[in-house]
Amino acid sequence: MNKIKLVEQEYTKKEIPKFNVGDTVRIMVKIMEGPDKTRLHPFEGVVIAKRGSGIRENFTVRKVSYGEGIERVFPLYSPGIERIEVIRSGKVKRAKLYYLRKKVGKQATKIESKD
């Protein structure tokens, strides 16, 4: 086994739930408020893209806040992520949901759930 795989195995031991594109997730992000003080801030939205593999895997989450669309890219094994909760599973026919950027209101967040 090569050295890169050995290093990656050490960092991929973090407990990550299985989620896919179209799922609604809540990510608890660590926010530094001082030299020795942190708090958790939730970011909840629809996963519109996943890319990469291994330690380099990242995913994009989109939410609509006060009528404005916000997208954020998270590295999956980032130390800044405390935990990921899957709120709702979605059934989609695309690997990338970039078309949600043009949708407004309920159309932007409503994705049929898996049966």
N, C-alpha and C. Protein backbone atom coordinates (compact mmCIF):
# COMPACT_ATOMS: atom_id res chain seq x y z
N MET A 1 0.85 -1.18 0.00
CA MET A 1 0.00 0.00 0.00
C MET A 1 0.90 1.25 0.00
N ASN A 2 0.55 2.22 -0.82
CA ASN A 2 1.41 3.39 -0.92
C ASN A 2 1.21 4.34 0.27
N LYS A 3 2.10 5.28 0.41
CA LYS A 3 2.12 6.16 1.58
C LYS A 3 0.93 7.11 1.62
N ILE A 4 0.45 7.53 0.47
CA ILE A 4 -0.70 8.43 0.43
C ILE A 4 -1.93 7.75 1.02
N LYS A 5 -2.16 6.51 0.68
CA LYS A 5 -3.31 5.76 1.22
C LYS A 5 -3.20 5.61 2.73
N LEU A 6 -2.00 5.38 3.24
CA LEU A 6 -1.82 5.24 4.68
C LEU A 6 -2.15 6.53 5.42
N VAL A 7 -1.75 7.66 4.87
CA VAL A 7 -2.05 8.95 5.49
C VAL A 7 -3.55 9.24 5.40
N GLU A 8 -4.17 8.92 4.27
CA GLU A 8 -5.60 9.17 4.11
C GLU A 8 -6.43 8.33 5.07
N GLN A 9 -6.01 7.11 5.34
CA GLN A 9 -6.76 6.25 6.25
C GLN A 9 -6.84 6.84 7.65
N GLU A 10 -5.80 7.52 8.06
CA GLU A 10 -5.78 8.13 9.39
C GLU A 10 -6.83 9.23 9.52
N TYR A 11 -7.04 10.00 8.45
CA TYR A 11 -7.97 11.12 8.50
C TYR A 11 -9.40 10.74 8.15
N THR A 12 -9.60 9.59 7.54
CA THR A 12 -10.95 9.19 7.14
C THR A 12 -11.65 8.33 8.18
N LYS A 13 -11.16 8.32 9.40
CA LYS A 13 -11.79 7.54 10.47
C LYS A 13 -12.99 8.25 11.07
N LYS A 14 -13.25 9.49 10.67
CA LYS A 14 -14.37 10.26 11.20
C LYS A 14 -15.70 9.62 10.81
N GLU A 15 -16.64 9.59 11.74
CA GLU A 15 -17.96 8.98 11.52
C GLU A 15 -18.81 9.91 10.64
N ILE A 16 -19.06 9.51 9.40
CA ILE A 16 -19.81 10.31 8.43
C ILE A 16 -21.03 9.52 8.00
N PRO A 17 -22.25 10.08 8.10
CA PRO A 17 -23.42 9.34 7.62
C PRO A 17 -23.45 9.31 6.09
N LYS A 18 -24.12 8.31 5.55
CA LYS A 18 -24.27 8.19 4.10
C LYS A 18 -25.34 9.17 3.64
N PHE A 19 -25.00 10.03 2.70
CA PHE A 19 -25.97 10.93 2.09
C PHE A 19 -25.61 11.12 0.64
N ASN A 20 -26.60 11.51 -0.15
CA ASN A 20 -26.41 11.68 -1.58
C ASN A 20 -26.90 13.04 -2.03
N VAL A 21 -26.73 13.31 -3.30
CA VAL A 21 -27.25 14.54 -3.89
C VAL A 21 -28.77 14.51 -3.80
N GLY A 22 -29.36 15.62 -3.42
CA GLY A 22 -30.81 15.71 -3.27
C GLY A 22 -31.27 15.58 -1.83
N ASP A 23 -30.42 15.12 -0.95
CA ASP A 23 -30.78 15.00 0.47
C ASP A 23 -30.68 16.35 1.16
N THR A 24 -31.54 16.55 2.14
CA THR A 24 -31.47 17.75 2.97
C THR A 24 -30.65 17.39 4.21
N VAL A 25 -29.60 18.17 4.46
CA VAL A 25 -28.69 17.87 5.56
C VAL A 25 -28.54 19.10 6.45
N ARG A 26 -28.16 18.84 7.70
CA ARG A 26 -27.82 19.90 8.65
C ARG A 26 -26.38 19.66 9.07
N ILE A 27 -25.52 20.63 8.79
CA ILE A 27 -24.12 20.53 9.13
C ILE A 27 -23.86 21.44 10.32
N MET A 28 -23.30 20.88 11.37
CA MET A 28 -22.95 21.67 12.54
C MET A 28 -21.49 22.10 12.37
N VAL A 29 -21.30 23.41 12.13
CA VAL A 29 -19.99 23.97 11.82
C VAL A 29 -19.43 24.64 13.07
N LYS A 30 -18.15 24.40 13.34
CA LYS A 30 -17.49 25.04 14.48
C LYS A 30 -17.11 26.47 14.09
N ILE A 31 -17.49 27.43 14.95
CA ILE A 31 -17.16 28.84 14.75
C ILE A 31 -16.28 29.28 15.92
N MET A 32 -15.11 29.84 15.61
CA MET A 32 -14.22 30.33 16.64
C MET A 32 -14.68 31.72 17.09
N GLU A 33 -14.90 31.88 18.39
CA GLU A 33 -15.34 33.17 18.92
C GLU A 33 -14.28 33.83 19.79
N GLY A 34 -13.21 33.18 19.98
CA GLY A 34 -12.13 33.73 20.80
C GLY A 34 -10.95 32.80 20.72
N PRO A 35 -9.91 33.11 21.50
CA PRO A 35 -8.72 32.25 21.44
C PRO A 35 -8.98 30.83 21.93
N ASP A 36 -9.92 30.65 22.86
CA ASP A 36 -10.19 29.31 23.37
C ASP A 36 -11.69 29.03 23.49
N LYS A 37 -12.48 29.68 22.64
CA LYS A 37 -13.93 29.55 22.72
C LYS A 37 -14.49 29.24 21.34
N THR A 38 -15.31 28.19 21.25
CA THR A 38 -15.96 27.85 19.98
C THR A 38 -17.45 27.63 20.24
N ARG A 39 -18.21 27.76 19.17
CA ARG A 39 -19.64 27.44 19.24
C ARG A 39 -20.01 26.70 17.97
N LEU A 40 -21.16 26.05 17.99
CA LEU A 40 -21.64 25.31 16.83
C LEU A 40 -22.73 26.10 16.15
N HIS A 41 -22.62 26.22 14.83
CA HIS A 41 -23.61 26.95 14.05
C HIS A 41 -24.17 26.00 12.98
N PRO A 42 -25.50 25.81 12.94
CA PRO A 42 -26.07 24.89 11.94
C PRO A 42 -26.19 25.55 10.56
N PHE A 43 -25.94 24.77 9.53
CA PHE A 43 -26.15 25.18 8.14
C PHE A 43 -26.97 24.07 7.51
N GLU A 44 -28.24 24.37 7.22
CA GLU A 44 -29.16 23.35 6.72
C GLU A 44 -29.57 23.68 5.30
N GLY A 45 -29.47 22.71 4.41
CA GLY A 45 -29.86 22.92 3.03
C GLY A 45 -29.83 21.63 2.24
N VAL A 46 -30.00 21.76 0.92
CA VAL A 46 -30.04 20.63 0.01
C VAL A 46 -28.65 20.41 -0.58
N VAL A 47 -28.20 19.18 -0.61
CA VAL A 47 -26.92 18.84 -1.23
C VAL A 47 -27.13 18.88 -2.74
N ILE A 48 -26.42 19.79 -3.43
CA ILE A 48 -26.60 19.91 -4.87
C ILE A 48 -25.45 19.31 -5.66
N ALA A 49 -24.33 18.98 -5.02
CA ALA A 49 -23.20 18.39 -5.74
C ALA A 49 -22.28 17.68 -4.76
N LYS A 50 -21.66 16.60 -5.25
CA LYS A 50 -20.59 15.91 -4.54
C LYS A 50 -19.49 15.67 -5.55
N ARG A 51 -18.25 15.86 -5.11
CA ARG A 51 -17.13 15.60 -6.02
C ARG A 51 -15.91 15.17 -5.23
N GLY A 52 -14.97 14.56 -5.94
CA GLY A 52 -13.75 14.10 -5.31
C GLY A 52 -13.90 12.72 -4.73
N SER A 53 -12.82 12.20 -4.17
CA SER A 53 -12.84 10.89 -3.53
C SER A 53 -11.80 10.87 -2.42
N GLY A 54 -12.00 9.96 -1.49
CA GLY A 54 -11.07 9.82 -0.37
C GLY A 54 -11.08 11.05 0.51
N ILE A 55 -9.91 11.48 0.91
CA ILE A 55 -9.78 12.62 1.81
C ILE A 55 -10.12 13.93 1.11
N ARG A 56 -10.08 13.95 -0.22
CA ARG A 56 -10.34 15.17 -1.00
C ARG A 56 -11.81 15.34 -1.36
N GLU A 57 -12.68 14.51 -0.84
CA GLU A 57 -14.10 14.60 -1.19
C GLU A 57 -14.74 15.84 -0.57
N ASN A 58 -15.56 16.53 -1.35
CA ASN A 58 -16.30 17.68 -0.82
C ASN A 58 -17.69 17.70 -1.42
N PHE A 59 -18.57 18.47 -0.78
CA PHE A 59 -19.96 18.54 -1.22
C PHE A 59 -20.45 19.98 -1.09
N THR A 60 -21.41 20.32 -1.93
CA THR A 60 -21.97 21.67 -1.96
C THR A 60 -23.39 21.63 -1.42
N VAL A 61 -23.70 22.53 -0.48
CA VAL A 61 -25.02 22.62 0.12
C VAL A 61 -25.61 23.97 -0.21
N ARG A 62 -26.88 23.98 -0.61
CA ARG A 62 -27.56 25.22 -0.97
C ARG A 62 -28.78 25.41 -0.08
N LYS A 63 -28.93 26.64 0.42
CA LYS A 63 -30.13 26.99 1.18
C LYS A 63 -30.59 28.36 0.73
N VAL A 64 -31.86 28.66 0.97
CA VAL A 64 -32.42 29.96 0.65
C VAL A 64 -32.72 30.66 1.97
N SER A 65 -32.08 31.80 2.19
CA SER A 65 -32.24 32.54 3.43
C SER A 65 -32.68 33.96 3.11
N TYR A 66 -33.87 34.32 3.59
CA TYR A 66 -34.45 35.64 3.35
C TYR A 66 -34.53 35.96 1.85
N GLY A 67 -34.89 34.94 1.06
CA GLY A 67 -35.06 35.13 -0.38
C GLY A 67 -33.77 35.13 -1.18
N GLU A 68 -32.66 34.94 -0.52
CA GLU A 68 -31.36 34.94 -1.20
C GLU A 68 -30.77 33.54 -1.12
N GLY A 69 -30.31 33.00 -2.24
CA GLY A 69 -29.71 31.68 -2.27
C GLY A 69 -28.27 31.72 -1.78
N ILE A 70 -27.93 30.78 -0.90
CA ILE A 70 -26.58 30.70 -0.34
C ILE A 70 -26.05 29.30 -0.60
N GLU A 71 -24.87 29.21 -1.19
CA GLU A 71 -24.22 27.93 -1.41
C GLU A 71 -22.91 27.91 -0.65
N ARG A 72 -22.61 26.74 -0.10
CA ARG A 72 -21.38 26.61 0.65
C ARG A 72 -20.76 25.25 0.34
N VAL A 73 -19.47 25.23 0.11
CA VAL A 73 -18.75 23.99 -0.20
C VAL A 73 -18.03 23.54 1.07
N PHE A 74 -18.27 22.29 1.45
CA PHE A 74 -17.66 21.72 2.65
C PHE A 74 -16.75 20.56 2.27
N PRO A 75 -15.50 20.54 2.74
CA PRO A 75 -14.72 19.31 2.64
C PRO A 75 -15.32 18.27 3.60
N LEU A 76 -15.49 17.05 3.13
CA LEU A 76 -16.20 16.04 3.92
C LEU A 76 -15.49 15.73 5.23
N TYR A 77 -14.18 15.67 5.22
CA TYR A 77 -13.43 15.31 6.42
C TYR A 77 -12.79 16.53 7.09
N SER A 78 -13.44 17.68 6.99
CA SER A 78 -12.92 18.90 7.57
C SER A 78 -12.98 18.85 9.10
N PRO A 79 -11.94 19.33 9.79
CA PRO A 79 -12.03 19.41 11.25
C PRO A 79 -12.99 20.50 11.71
N GLY A 80 -13.41 21.39 10.81
CA GLY A 80 -14.37 22.44 11.16
C GLY A 80 -15.80 21.95 11.20
N ILE A 81 -16.05 20.72 10.80
CA ILE A 81 -17.40 20.14 10.85
C ILE A 81 -17.50 19.24 12.06
N GLU A 82 -18.43 19.56 12.95
CA GLU A 82 -18.63 18.75 14.15
C GLU A 82 -19.40 17.48 13.80
N ARG A 83 -20.54 17.63 13.11
CA ARG A 83 -21.32 16.46 12.70
C ARG A 83 -22.25 16.83 11.54
N ILE A 84 -22.72 15.81 10.85
CA ILE A 84 -23.64 15.97 9.73
C ILE A 84 -24.87 15.14 10.04
N GLU A 85 -26.06 15.76 9.94
CA GLU A 85 -27.31 15.06 10.17
C GLU A 85 -28.11 15.06 8.88
N VAL A 86 -28.62 13.89 8.50
CA VAL A 86 -29.47 13.81 7.32
C VAL A 86 -30.91 14.05 7.78
N ILE A 87 -31.51 15.14 7.31
CA ILE A 87 -32.86 15.51 7.71
C ILE A 87 -33.89 14.78 6.86
N ARG A 88 -33.67 14.80 5.53
CA ARG A 88 -34.63 14.20 4.60
C ARG A 88 -33.88 13.66 3.40
N SER A 89 -34.26 12.50 2.93
CA SER A 89 -33.66 11.93 1.72
C SER A 89 -34.47 12.38 0.52
N GLY A 90 -33.79 12.60 -0.58
CA GLY A 90 -34.46 13.03 -1.80
C GLY A 90 -34.18 12.10 -2.95
N LYS A 91 -35.12 12.02 -3.87
CA LYS A 91 -34.95 11.18 -5.05
C LYS A 91 -34.76 12.10 -6.24
N VAL A 92 -33.60 12.07 -6.86
CA VAL A 92 -33.30 12.92 -7.99
C VAL A 92 -32.74 12.07 -9.13
N LYS A 93 -32.78 12.63 -10.33
CA LYS A 93 -32.29 11.93 -11.51
C LYS A 93 -31.02 12.55 -12.07
N ARG A 94 -30.41 13.43 -11.31
CA ARG A 94 -29.21 14.12 -11.76
C ARG A 94 -28.11 13.97 -10.72
N ALA A 95 -26.86 14.07 -11.17
CA ALA A 95 -25.73 14.02 -10.25
C ALA A 95 -25.43 15.41 -9.70
N LYS A 96 -25.75 16.45 -10.45
CA LYS A 96 -25.55 17.83 -10.02
C LYS A 96 -26.87 18.57 -10.15
N LEU A 97 -27.30 19.24 -9.11
CA LEU A 97 -28.60 19.92 -9.10
C LEU A 97 -28.43 21.43 -9.28
N TYR A 98 -27.61 21.82 -10.23
CA TYR A 98 -27.37 23.24 -10.45
C TYR A 98 -28.61 23.97 -10.95
N TYR A 99 -29.59 23.23 -11.49
CA TYR A 99 -30.81 23.87 -11.97
C TYR A 99 -31.62 24.48 -10.82
N LEU A 100 -31.35 24.10 -9.58
CA LEU A 100 -32.06 24.68 -8.44
C LEU A 100 -31.71 26.15 -8.23
N ARG A 101 -30.61 26.60 -8.83
CA ARG A 101 -30.22 28.01 -8.70
C ARG A 101 -31.24 28.93 -9.35
N LYS A 102 -31.95 28.45 -10.36
CA LYS A 102 -32.94 29.27 -11.06
C LYS A 102 -34.32 29.17 -10.43
N LYS A 103 -34.52 28.24 -9.52
CA LYS A 103 -35.82 28.05 -8.90
C LYS A 103 -35.99 29.00 -7.71
N VAL A 104 -37.25 29.34 -7.42
CA VAL A 104 -37.55 30.27 -6.34
C VAL A 104 -38.60 29.64 -5.43
N GLY A 105 -38.52 29.90 -4.15
CA GLY A 105 -39.53 29.46 -3.20
C GLY A 105 -39.49 27.96 -2.95
N LYS A 106 -40.68 27.35 -2.92
CA LYS A 106 -40.78 25.94 -2.61
C LYS A 106 -40.16 25.06 -3.69
N GLN A 107 -40.16 25.55 -4.91
CA GLN A 107 -39.56 24.77 -6.01
C GLN A 107 -38.08 24.57 -5.79
N ALA A 108 -37.43 25.48 -5.09
CA ALA A 108 -35.99 25.40 -4.88
C ALA A 108 -35.63 24.40 -3.77
N THR A 109 -36.58 24.08 -2.89
CA THR A 109 -36.27 23.22 -1.76
C THR A 109 -37.04 21.91 -1.78
N LYS A 110 -38.12 21.82 -2.52
CA LYS A 110 -38.94 20.62 -2.51
C LYS A 110 -38.41 19.61 -3.52
N ILE A 111 -37.94 18.50 -3.03
CA ILE A 111 -37.45 17.40 -3.86
C ILE A 111 -38.18 16.15 -3.38
N GLU A 112 -38.71 15.36 -4.32
CA GLU A 112 -39.48 14.19 -3.94
C GLU A 112 -38.64 13.27 -3.09
N SER A 113 -39.26 12.68 -2.07
CA SER A 113 -38.52 11.78 -1.20
C SER A 113 -38.53 10.37 -1.77
N LYS A 114 -37.57 9.57 -1.33
CA LYS A 114 -37.48 8.18 -1.76
C LYS A 114 -38.57 7.36 -1.08
N ASP A 115 -39.13 6.41 -1.80
CA ASP A 115 -40.18 5.55 -1.21
C ASP A 115 -39.61 4.29 -0.64
